[in-house]
Amino acid sequence: MFRTDRPAGRIFYLVMTIVVAATSSRLYAAPQSGPALTSVVEVRENDYGWGQANDRNLLGRFSSQSFNLARLAQTQDYFLRLYDGSSPPRYSRYSAALHVDYPL
């Protein structure tokens, strides 16, 4: 399996094993202290007016991974944006567009 004329390959794998072992110990470090922030998703009809004060086109704020929205037409567009549970909440700069086209 190992060729005697290729010791550099064995050294490379030895070094890679040491590097992986050294970095994997960092993955299991104790969590840092600080406020625990939960992610909440906000769903709107349009991609503008994000914020706690504006609820004109707001369809809901959800803290779970799955949620239900009422459908009023065959095709609908929803816009989703994450924000954290801090005060005041910090919104993500990116929003996701969800287009639903399914018969009622």
PDB file of N, CA and C in Angstrom:
ATOM      1  N   MET A   1       0.819  -1.185   0.000  1.00  0.00           N
ATOM      2  CA  MET A   1       0.000   0.000   0.000  1.00  0.00           C
ATOM      3  C   MET A   1       0.866   1.254   0.000  1.00  0.00           C
ATOM      4  N   PHE A   2       1.878   1.315   0.858  1.00  0.00           N
ATOM      5  CA  PHE A   2       2.792   2.440   0.877  1.00  0.00           C
ATOM      6  C   PHE A   2       4.031   2.107   0.056  1.00  0.00           C
ATOM      7  N   ARG A   3       4.467   3.055  -0.718  1.00  0.00           N
ATOM      8  CA  ARG A   3       5.679   2.860  -1.507  1.00  0.00           C
ATOM      9  C   ARG A   3       6.851   3.457  -0.763  1.00  0.00           C
ATOM     10  N   THR A   4       7.955   2.730  -0.733  1.00  0.00           N
ATOM     11  CA  THR A   4       9.132   3.193   0.011  1.00  0.00           C
ATOM     12  C   THR A   4       9.836   4.345  -0.679  1.00  0.00           C
ATOM     13  N   ASP A   5       9.601   4.530  -1.980  1.00  0.00           N
ATOM     14  CA  ASP A   5      10.266   5.623  -2.679  1.00  0.00           C
ATOM     15  C   ASP A   5       9.462   6.928  -2.581  1.00  0.00           C
ATOM     16  N   ARG A   6       8.364   6.933  -1.791  1.00  0.00           N
ATOM     17  CA  ARG A   6       7.545   8.146  -1.649  1.00  0.00           C
ATOM     18  C   ARG A   6       7.331   8.504  -0.178  1.00  0.00           C
ATOM     19  N   PRO A   7       8.383   8.810   0.571  1.00  0.00           N
ATOM     20  CA  PRO A   7       8.201   9.170   1.986  1.00  0.00           C
ATOM     21  C   PRO A   7       7.533  10.536   2.177  1.00  0.00           C
ATOM     22  N   ALA A   8       7.586  11.402   1.162  1.00  0.00           N
ATOM     23  CA  ALA A   8       6.977  12.725   1.296  1.00  0.00           C
ATOM     24  C   ALA A   8       5.457  12.605   1.442  1.00  0.00           C
ATOM     25  N   GLY A   9       4.861  11.627   0.795  1.00  0.00           N
ATOM     26  CA  GLY A   9       3.419  11.424   0.918  1.00  0.00           C
ATOM     27  C   GLY A   9       3.025  11.039   2.326  1.00  0.00           C
ATOM     28  N   ARG A  10       3.817  10.197   2.960  1.00  0.00           N
ATOM     29  CA  ARG A  10       3.541   9.789   4.337  1.00  0.00           C
ATOM     30  C   ARG A  10       3.688  10.973   5.287  1.00  0.00           C
ATOM     31  N   ILE A  11       4.681  11.798   5.062  1.00  0.00           N
ATOM     32  CA  ILE A  11       4.886  12.966   5.919  1.00  0.00           C
ATOM     33  C   ILE A  11       3.716  13.942   5.759  1.00  0.00           C
ATOM     34  N   PHE A  12       3.264  14.105   4.527  1.00  0.00           N
ATOM     35  CA  PHE A  12       2.124  14.988   4.290  1.00  0.00           C
ATOM     36  C   PHE A  12       0.900  14.507   5.064  1.00  0.00           C
ATOM     37  N   TYR A  13       0.586  13.218   4.992  1.00  0.00           N
ATOM     38  CA  TYR A  13      -0.573  12.698   5.713  1.00  0.00           C
ATOM     39  C   TYR A  13      -0.390  12.789   7.228  1.00  0.00           C
ATOM     40  N   LEU A  14       0.832  12.627   7.720  1.00  0.00           N
ATOM     41  CA  LEU A  14       1.100  12.771   9.137  1.00  0.00           C
ATOM     42  C   LEU A  14       0.850  14.214   9.585  1.00  0.00           C
ATOM     43  N   VAL A  15       1.333  15.170   8.805  1.00  0.00           N
ATOM     44  CA  VAL A  15       1.130  16.577   9.130  1.00  0.00           C
ATOM     45  C   VAL A  15      -0.360  16.926   9.080  1.00  0.00           C
ATOM     46  N   MET A  16      -1.080  16.441   8.089  1.00  0.00           N
ATOM     47  CA  MET A  16      -2.517  16.705   7.987  1.00  0.00           C
ATOM     48  C   MET A  16      -3.274  16.111   9.166  1.00  0.00           C
ATOM     49  N   THR A  17      -2.875  14.941   9.627  1.00  0.00           N
ATOM     50  CA  THR A  17      -3.521  14.330  10.783  1.00  0.00           C
ATOM     51  C   THR A  17      -3.305  15.169  12.025  1.00  0.00           C
ATOM     52  N   ILE A  18      -2.112  15.697  12.206  1.00  0.00           N
ATOM     53  CA  ILE A  18      -1.817  16.544  13.361  1.00  0.00           C
ATOM     54  C   ILE A  18      -2.615  17.841  13.293  1.00  0.00           C
ATOM     55  N   VAL A  19      -2.707  18.435  12.112  1.00  0.00           N
ATOM     56  CA  VAL A  19      -3.456  19.685  11.954  1.00  0.00           C
ATOM     57  C   VAL A  19      -4.936  19.462  12.248  1.00  0.00           C
ATOM     58  N   VAL A  20      -5.505  18.390  11.733  1.00  0.00           N
ATOM     59  CA  VAL A  20      -6.923  18.101  11.972  1.00  0.00           C
ATOM     60  C   VAL A  20      -7.174  17.840  13.443  1.00  0.00           C
ATOM     61  N   ALA A  21      -6.288  17.102  14.096  1.00  0.00           N
ATOM     62  CA  ALA A  21      -6.452  16.824  15.520  1.00  0.00           C
ATOM     63  C   ALA A  21      -6.348  18.102  16.343  1.00  0.00           C
ATOM     64  N   ALA A  22      -5.460  19.005  15.961  1.00  0.00           N
ATOM     65  CA  ALA A  22      -5.291  20.247  16.714  1.00  0.00           C
ATOM     66  C   ALA A  22      -6.484  21.176  16.530  1.00  0.00           C
ATOM     67  N   THR A  23      -7.017  21.256  15.334  1.00  0.00           N
ATOM     68  CA  THR A  23      -8.152  22.152  15.091  1.00  0.00           C
ATOM     69  C   THR A  23      -9.460  21.566  15.594  1.00  0.00           C
ATOM     70  N   SER A  24      -9.592  20.257  15.646  1.00  0.00           N
ATOM     71  CA  SER A  24     -10.854  19.684  16.122  1.00  0.00           C
ATOM     72  C   SER A  24     -11.029  19.899  17.613  1.00  0.00           C
ATOM     73  N   SER A  25      -9.940  20.068  18.355  1.00  0.00           N
ATOM     74  CA  SER A  25     -10.078  20.338  19.785  1.00  0.00           C
ATOM     75  C   SER A  25     -10.675  21.715  20.019  1.00  0.00           C
ATOM     76  N   ARG A  26     -10.521  22.635  19.082  1.00  0.00           N
ATOM     77  CA  ARG A  26     -11.122  23.963  19.202  1.00  0.00           C
ATOM     78  C   ARG A  26     -12.623  23.928  18.948  1.00  0.00           C
ATOM     79  N   LEU A  27     -13.093  22.951  18.211  1.00  0.00           N
ATOM     80  CA  LEU A  27     -14.521  22.883  17.901  1.00  0.00           C
ATOM     81  C   LEU A  27     -15.357  22.574  19.129  1.00  0.00           C
ATOM     82  N   TYR A  28     -14.782  21.923  20.116  1.00  0.00           N
ATOM     83  CA  TYR A  28     -15.520  21.533  21.300  1.00  0.00           C
ATOM     84  C   TYR A  28     -15.221  22.434  22.486  1.00  0.00           C
ATOM     85  N   ALA A  29     -14.802  23.641  22.234  1.00  0.00           N
ATOM     86  CA  ALA A  29     -14.503  24.574  23.317  1.00  0.00           C
ATOM     87  C   ALA A  29     -15.801  25.019  23.976  1.00  0.00           C
ATOM     88  N   ALA A  30     -15.693  25.499  25.212  1.00  0.00           N
ATOM     89  CA  ALA A  30     -16.864  25.976  25.941  1.00  0.00           C
ATOM     90  C   ALA A  30     -17.431  27.209  25.262  1.00  0.00           C
ATOM     91  N   PRO A  31     -18.749  27.352  25.258  1.00  0.00           N
ATOM     92  CA  PRO A  31     -19.337  28.525  24.608  1.00  0.00           C
ATOM     93  C   PRO A  31     -18.978  29.799  25.357  1.00  0.00           C
ATOM     94  N   GLN A  32     -18.865  30.875  24.620  1.00  0.00           N
ATOM     95  CA  GLN A  32     -18.524  32.150  25.226  1.00  0.00           C
ATOM     96  C   GLN A  32     -19.747  32.718  25.921  1.00  0.00           C
ATOM     97  N   SER A  33     -19.497  33.462  26.974  1.00  0.00           N
ATOM     98  CA  SER A  33     -20.615  34.059  27.689  1.00  0.00           C
ATOM     99  C   SER A  33     -21.102  35.284  26.934  1.00  0.00           C
ATOM    100  N   GLY A  34     -22.361  35.592  27.099  1.00  0.00           N
ATOM    101  CA  GLY A  34     -22.966  36.725  26.422  1.00  0.00           C
ATOM    102  C   GLY A  34     -24.453  36.502  26.310  1.00  0.00           C
ATOM    103  N   PRO A  35     -25.169  37.488  25.834  1.00  0.00           N
ATOM    104  CA  PRO A  35     -26.616  37.331  25.749  1.00  0.00           C
ATOM    105  C   PRO A  35     -26.994  36.323  24.678  1.00  0.00           C
ATOM    106  N   ALA A  36     -27.946  35.479  25.003  1.00  0.00           N
ATOM    107  CA  ALA A  36     -28.439  34.499  24.036  1.00  0.00           C
ATOM    108  C   ALA A  36     -29.471  35.178  23.152  1.00  0.00           C
ATOM    109  N   LEU A  37     -29.201  35.234  21.864  1.00  0.00           N
ATOM    110  CA  LEU A  37     -30.098  35.878  20.921  1.00  0.00           C
ATOM    111  C   LEU A  37     -30.839  34.824  20.116  1.00  0.00           C
ATOM    112  N   THR A  38     -32.118  34.992  20.001  1.00  0.00           N
ATOM    113  CA  THR A  38     -32.916  34.072  19.202  1.00  0.00           C
ATOM    114  C   THR A  38     -33.243  34.725  17.879  1.00  0.00           C
ATOM    115  N   SER A  39     -33.282  33.942  16.823  1.00  0.00           N
ATOM    116  CA  SER A  39     -33.627  34.465  15.514  1.00  0.00           C
ATOM    117  C   SER A  39     -35.132  34.363  15.313  1.00  0.00           C
ATOM    118  N   VAL A  40     -35.699  35.421  14.818  1.00  0.00           N
ATOM    119  CA  VAL A  40     -37.122  35.484  14.534  1.00  0.00           C
ATOM    120  C   VAL A  40     -37.252  35.889  13.081  1.00  0.00           C
ATOM    121  N   VAL A  41     -38.243  35.335  12.406  1.00  0.00           N
ATOM    122  CA  VAL A  41     -38.465  35.689  11.012  1.00  0.00           C
ATOM    123  C   VAL A  41     -39.714  36.560  10.926  1.00  0.00           C
ATOM    124  N   GLU A  42     -39.629  37.578  10.084  1.00  0.00           N
ATOM    125  CA  GLU A  42     -40.755  38.474   9.837  1.00  0.00           C
ATOM    126  C   GLU A  42     -41.186  38.283   8.397  1.00  0.00           C
ATOM    127  N   VAL A  43     -42.479  38.119   8.167  1.00  0.00           N
ATOM    128  CA  VAL A  43     -43.022  37.858   6.833  1.00  0.00           C
ATOM    129  C   VAL A  43     -43.893  39.040   6.439  1.00  0.00           C
ATOM    130  N   ARG A  44     -43.643  39.566   5.242  1.00  0.00           N
ATOM    131  CA  ARG A  44     -44.399  40.713   4.736  1.00  0.00           C
ATOM    132  C   ARG A  44     -44.877  40.455   3.317  1.00  0.00           C
ATOM    133  N   GLU A  45     -45.846  41.271   2.895  1.00  0.00           N
ATOM    134  CA  GLU A  45     -46.367  41.180   1.532  1.00  0.00           C
ATOM    135  C   GLU A  45     -45.441  41.857   0.527  1.00  0.00           C
ATOM    136  N   ASN A  46     -44.713  42.881   0.960  1.00  0.00           N
ATOM    137  CA  ASN A  46     -43.811  43.638   0.088  1.00  0.00           C
ATOM    138  C   ASN A  46     -42.429  43.687   0.715  1.00  0.00           C
ATOM    139  N   ASP A  47     -41.430  43.988  -0.112  1.00  0.00           N
ATOM    140  CA  ASP A  47     -40.050  44.019   0.366  1.00  0.00           C
ATOM    141  C   ASP A  47     -39.652  45.425   0.809  1.00  0.00           C
ATOM    142  N   TYR A  48     -40.490  46.084   1.571  1.00  0.00           N
ATOM    143  CA  TYR A  48     -40.151  47.372   2.147  1.00  0.00           C
ATOM    144  C   TYR A  48     -40.933  47.537   3.445  1.00  0.00           C
ATOM    145  N   GLY A  49     -40.539  48.496   4.234  1.00  0.00           N
ATOM    146  CA  GLY A  49     -41.216  48.768   5.483  1.00  0.00           C
ATOM    147  C   GLY A  49     -40.827  47.828   6.604  1.00  0.00           C
ATOM    148  N   TRP A  50     -39.575  47.350   6.600  1.00  0.00           N
ATOM    149  CA  TRP A  50     -39.134  46.448   7.664  1.00  0.00           C
ATOM    150  C   TRP A  50     -38.924  47.246   8.938  1.00  0.00           C
ATOM    151  N   GLY A  51     -39.328  46.682  10.043  1.00  0.00           N
ATOM    152  CA  GLY A  51     -39.124  47.313  11.346  1.00  0.00           C
ATOM    153  C   GLY A  51     -40.299  47.046  12.264  1.00  0.00           C
ATOM    154  N   GLN A  52     -40.067  47.238  13.552  1.00  0.00           N
ATOM    155  CA  GLN A  52     -41.098  46.971  14.548  1.00  0.00           C
ATOM    156  C   GLN A  52     -42.230  47.990  14.486  1.00  0.00           C
ATOM    157  N   ALA A  53     -41.933  49.217  14.110  1.00  0.00           N
ATOM    158  CA  ALA A  53     -42.947  50.273  14.127  1.00  0.00           C
ATOM    159  C   ALA A  53     -43.924  50.175  12.955  1.00  0.00           C
ATOM    160  N   ASN A  54     -43.512  49.592  11.845  1.00  0.00           N
ATOM    161  CA  ASN A  54     -44.359  49.543  10.652  1.00  0.00           C
ATOM    162  C   ASN A  54     -44.975  48.153  10.531  1.00  0.00           C
ATOM    163  N   ASP A  55     -46.294  48.079  10.613  1.00  0.00           N
ATOM    164  CA  ASP A  55     -46.957  46.790  10.457  1.00  0.00           C
ATOM    165  C   ASP A  55     -48.053  46.833   9.396  1.00  0.00           C
ATOM    166  N   ARG A  56     -47.908  47.707   8.398  1.00  0.00           N
ATOM    167  CA  ARG A  56     -48.935  47.834   7.356  1.00  0.00           C
ATOM    168  C   ARG A  56     -49.029  46.586   6.481  1.00  0.00           C
ATOM    169  N   ASN A  57     -47.913  46.083   6.015  1.00  0.00           N
ATOM    170  CA  ASN A  57     -47.939  44.910   5.138  1.00  0.00           C
ATOM    171  C   ASN A  57     -47.408  43.674   5.855  1.00  0.00           C
ATOM    172  N   LEU A  58     -47.456  43.668   7.173  1.00  0.00           N
ATOM    173  CA  LEU A  58     -46.938  42.567   7.980  1.00  0.00           C
ATOM    174  C   LEU A  58     -47.921  41.406   7.990  1.00  0.00           C
ATOM    175  N   LEU A  59     -47.421  40.207   7.685  1.00  0.00           N
ATOM    176  CA  LEU A  59     -48.238  38.999   7.745  1.00  0.00           C
ATOM    177  C   LEU A  59     -47.997  38.222   9.030  1.00  0.00           C
ATOM    178  N   GLY A  60     -46.829  38.405   9.649  1.00  0.00           N
ATOM    179  CA  GLY A  60     -46.570  37.739  10.914  1.00  0.00           C
ATOM    180  C   GLY A  60     -45.108  37.743  11.289  1.00  0.00           C
ATOM    181  N   ARG A  61     -44.875  37.524  12.588  1.00  0.00           N
ATOM    182  CA  ARG A  61     -43.528  37.340  13.127  1.00  0.00           C
ATOM    183  C   ARG A  61     -43.510  35.975  13.788  1.00  0.00           C
ATOM    184  N   PHE A  62     -42.548  35.150  13.403  1.00  0.00           N
ATOM    185  CA  PHE A  62     -42.518  33.765  13.849  1.00  0.00           C
ATOM    186  C   PHE A  62     -41.147  33.426  14.420  1.00  0.00           C
ATOM    187  N   SER A  63     -41.150  32.685  15.525  1.00  0.00           N
ATOM    188  CA  SER A  63     -39.891  32.260  16.131  1.00  0.00           C
ATOM    189  C   SER A  63     -39.655  30.768  15.939  1.00  0.00           C
ATOM    190  N   SER A  64     -40.539  30.072  15.220  1.00  0.00           N
ATOM    191  CA  SER A  64     -40.363  28.644  14.966  1.00  0.00           C
ATOM    192  C   SER A  64     -39.862  28.429  13.543  1.00  0.00           C
ATOM    193  N   GLN A  65     -39.401  27.210  13.266  1.00  0.00           N
ATOM    194  CA  GLN A  65     -38.880  26.911  11.932  1.00  0.00           C
ATOM    195  C   GLN A  65     -39.991  26.739  10.909  1.00  0.00           C
ATOM    196  N   SER A  66     -41.182  26.375  11.328  1.00  0.00           N
ATOM    197  CA  SER A  66     -42.294  26.216  10.392  1.00  0.00           C
ATOM    198  C   SER A  66     -43.471  27.051  10.862  1.00  0.00           C
ATOM    199  N   PHE A  67     -44.202  27.608   9.905  1.00  0.00           N
ATOM    200  CA  PHE A  67     -45.366  28.426  10.229  1.00  0.00           C
ATOM    201  C   PHE A  67     -46.337  28.355   9.063  1.00  0.00           C
ATOM    202  N   ASN A  68     -47.585  28.713   9.307  1.00  0.00           N
ATOM    203  CA  ASN A  68     -48.641  28.675   8.289  1.00  0.00           C
ATOM    204  C   ASN A  68     -49.121  30.079   7.999  1.00  0.00           C
ATOM    205  N   LEU A  69     -49.369  30.348   6.727  1.00  0.00           N
ATOM    206  CA  LEU A  69     -49.930  31.621   6.293  1.00  0.00           C
ATOM    207  C   LEU A  69     -51.161  31.342   5.448  1.00  0.00           C
ATOM    208  N   ALA A  70     -52.165  32.175   5.597  1.00  0.00           N
ATOM    209  CA  ALA A  70     -53.382  32.018   4.801  1.00  0.00           C
ATOM    210  C   ALA A  70     -53.109  32.424   3.361  1.00  0.00           C
ATOM    211  N   ARG A  71     -53.644  31.626   2.419  1.00  0.00           N
ATOM    212  CA  ARG A  71     -53.502  31.950   0.998  1.00  0.00           C
ATOM    213  C   ARG A  71     -54.789  32.566   0.511  1.00  0.00           C
ATOM    214  N   LEU A  72     -54.671  33.679  -0.194  1.00  0.00           N
ATOM    215  CA  LEU A  72     -55.843  34.383  -0.692  1.00  0.00           C
ATOM    216  C   LEU A  72     -55.983  34.274  -2.207  1.00  0.00           C
ATOM    217  N   ALA A  73     -54.958  33.784  -2.880  1.00  0.00           N
ATOM    218  CA  ALA A  73     -54.981  33.681  -4.336  1.00  0.00           C
ATOM    219  C   ALA A  73     -54.145  32.479  -4.757  1.00  0.00           C
ATOM    220  N   GLN A  74     -54.221  32.146  -6.055  1.00  0.00           N
ATOM    221  CA  GLN A  74     -53.444  31.020  -6.559  1.00  0.00           C
ATOM    222  C   GLN A  74     -51.960  31.319  -6.527  1.00  0.00           C
ATOM    223  N   THR A  75     -51.584  32.537  -6.906  1.00  0.00           N
ATOM    224  CA  THR A  75     -50.173  32.933  -6.853  1.00  0.00           C
ATOM    225  C   THR A  75     -50.015  34.033  -5.816  1.00  0.00           C
ATOM    226  N   GLN A  76     -49.022  33.862  -4.965  1.00  0.00           N
ATOM    227  CA  GLN A  76     -48.736  34.858  -3.954  1.00  0.00           C
ATOM    228  C   GLN A  76     -47.244  34.974  -3.757  1.00  0.00           C
ATOM    229  N   ASP A  77     -46.809  36.164  -3.362  1.00  0.00           N
ATOM    230  CA  ASP A  77     -45.409  36.428  -3.047  1.00  0.00           C
ATOM    231  C   ASP A  77     -45.305  36.805  -1.582  1.00  0.00           C
ATOM    232  N   TYR A  78     -44.321  36.215  -0.913  1.00  0.00           N
ATOM    233  CA  TYR A  78     -44.022  36.534   0.475  1.00  0.00           C
ATOM    234  C   TYR A  78     -42.568  36.947   0.561  1.00  0.00           C
ATOM    235  N   PHE A  79     -42.278  37.844   1.476  1.00  0.00           N
ATOM    236  CA  PHE A  79     -40.903  38.288   1.707  1.00  0.00           C
ATOM    237  C   PHE A  79     -40.571  38.036   3.163  1.00  0.00           C
ATOM    238  N   LEU A  80     -39.439  37.372   3.399  1.00  0.00           N
ATOM    239  CA  LEU A  80     -39.024  36.968   4.738  1.00  0.00           C
ATOM    240  C   LEU A  80     -37.701  37.634   5.083  1.00  0.00           C
ATOM    241  N   ARG A  81     -37.567  38.056   6.338  1.00  0.00           N
ATOM    242  CA  ARG A  81     -36.316  38.642   6.801  1.00  0.00           C
ATOM    243  C   ARG A  81     -36.110  38.254   8.261  1.00  0.00           C
ATOM    244  N   LEU A  82     -34.881  37.857   8.594  1.00  0.00           N
ATOM    245  CA  LEU A  82     -34.532  37.480   9.960  1.00  0.00           C
ATOM    246  C   LEU A  82     -34.178  38.715  10.776  1.00  0.00           C
ATOM    247  N   TYR A  83     -34.503  38.646  12.070  1.00  0.00           N
ATOM    248  CA  TYR A  83     -34.012  39.633  13.014  1.00  0.00           C
ATOM    249  C   TYR A  83     -33.791  38.941  14.347  1.00  0.00           C
ATOM    250  N   ASP A  84     -32.994  39.557  15.205  1.00  0.00           N
ATOM    251  CA  ASP A  84     -32.668  38.916  16.483  1.00  0.00           C
ATOM    252  C   ASP A  84     -33.576  39.442  17.586  1.00  0.00           C
ATOM    253  N   GLY A  85     -33.445  38.848  18.766  1.00  0.00           N
ATOM    254  CA  GLY A  85     -34.309  39.196  19.881  1.00  0.00           C
ATOM    255  C   GLY A  85     -33.767  40.296  20.764  1.00  0.00           C
ATOM    256  N   SER A  86     -32.789  41.054  20.289  1.00  0.00           N
ATOM    257  CA  SER A  86     -32.225  42.126  21.109  1.00  0.00           C
ATOM    258  C   SER A  86     -33.183  43.323  21.129  1.00  0.00           C
ATOM    259  N   SER A  87     -32.861  44.306  21.940  1.00  0.00           N
ATOM    260  CA  SER A  87     -33.701  45.496  22.017  1.00  0.00           C
ATOM    261  C   SER A  87     -32.833  46.713  21.745  1.00  0.00           C
ATOM    262  N   PRO A  88     -33.030  47.456  20.701  1.00  0.00           N
ATOM    263  CA  PRO A  88     -33.973  47.254  19.595  1.00  0.00           C
ATOM    264  C   PRO A  88     -33.496  46.123  18.691  1.00  0.00           C
ATOM    265  N   PRO A  89     -34.418  45.473  18.008  1.00  0.00           N
ATOM    266  CA  PRO A  89     -34.033  44.331  17.169  1.00  0.00           C
ATOM    267  C   PRO A  89     -33.160  44.767  15.996  1.00  0.00           C
ATOM    268  N   ARG A  90     -32.205  43.908  15.671  1.00  0.00           N
ATOM    269  CA  ARG A  90     -31.328  44.153  14.522  1.00  0.00           C
ATOM    270  C   ARG A  90     -31.767  43.243  13.381  1.00  0.00           C
ATOM    271  N   TYR A  91     -32.187  43.845  12.294  1.00  0.00           N
ATOM    272  CA  TYR A  91     -32.663  43.105  11.132  1.00  0.00           C
ATOM    273  C   TYR A  91     -31.509  42.725  10.226  1.00  0.00           C
ATOM    274  N   SER A  92     -31.652  41.592   9.548  1.00  0.00           N
ATOM    275  CA  SER A  92     -30.688  41.193   8.536  1.00  0.00           C
ATOM    276  C   SER A  92     -30.801  42.155   7.359  1.00  0.00           C
ATOM    277  N   ARG A  93     -29.717  42.358   6.664  1.00  0.00           N
ATOM    278  CA  ARG A  93     -29.793  43.243   5.501  1.00  0.00           C
ATOM    279  C   ARG A  93     -30.366  42.542   4.278  1.00  0.00           C
ATOM    280  N   TYR A  94     -30.513  41.221   4.338  1.00  0.00           N
ATOM    281  CA  TYR A  94     -31.015  40.458   3.205  1.00  0.00           C
ATOM    282  C   TYR A  94     -32.410  39.920   3.506  1.00  0.00           C
ATOM    283  N   SER A  95     -33.251  39.910   2.499  1.00  0.00           N
ATOM    284  CA  SER A  95     -34.568  39.302   2.638  1.00  0.00           C
ATOM    285  C   SER A  95     -34.715  38.223   1.564  1.00  0.00           C
ATOM    286  N   ALA A  96     -35.575  37.252   1.844  1.00  0.00           N
ATOM    287  CA  ALA A  96     -35.807  36.151   0.916  1.00  0.00           C
ATOM    288  C   ALA A  96     -37.206  36.301   0.327  1.00  0.00           C
ATOM    289  N   ALA A  97     -37.323  36.083  -0.973  1.00  0.00           N
ATOM    290  CA  ALA A  97     -38.612  36.140  -1.648  1.00  0.00           C
ATOM    291  C   ALA A  97     -39.120  34.718  -1.850  1.00  0.00           C
ATOM    292  N   LEU A  98     -40.368  34.495  -1.494  1.00  0.00           N
ATOM    293  CA  LEU A  98     -40.992  33.194  -1.639  1.00  0.00           C
ATOM    294  C   LEU A  98     -42.205  33.370  -2.549  1.00  0.00           C
ATOM    295  N   HIS A  99     -42.176  32.728  -3.708  1.00  0.00           N
ATOM    296  CA  HIS A  99     -43.266  32.812  -4.681  1.00  0.00           C
ATOM    297  C   HIS A  99     -44.017  31.497  -4.657  1.00  0.00           C
ATOM    298  N   VAL A 100     -45.326  31.552  -4.411  1.00  0.00           N
ATOM    299  CA  VAL A 100     -46.165  30.355  -4.351  1.00  0.00           C
ATOM    300  C   VAL A 100     -47.133  30.415  -5.522  1.00  0.00           C
ATOM    301  N   ASP A 101     -47.126  29.384  -6.347  1.00  0.00           N
ATOM    302  CA  ASP A 101     -48.050  29.261  -7.475  1.00  0.00           C
ATOM    303  C   ASP A 101     -48.587  27.843  -7.465  1.00  0.00           C
ATOM    304  N   TYR A 102     -49.699  27.680  -6.799  1.00  0.00           N
ATOM    305  CA  TYR A 102     -50.274  26.344  -6.624  1.00  0.00           C
ATOM    306  C   TYR A 102     -51.793  26.481  -6.617  1.00  0.00           C
ATOM    307  N   PRO A 103     -52.516  25.597  -7.290  1.00  0.00           N
ATOM    308  CA  PRO A 103     -53.977  25.744  -7.318  1.00  0.00           C
ATOM    309  C   PRO A 103     -54.560  25.633  -5.914  1.00  0.00           C
ATOM    310  N   LEU A 104     -55.599  26.414  -5.691  1.00  0.00           N
ATOM    311  CA  LEU A 104     -56.267  26.385  -4.384  1.00  0.00           C
ATOM    312  C   LEU A 104     -57.054  25.115  -4.186  1.00  0.00           C
TER     313      LEU A 104
END
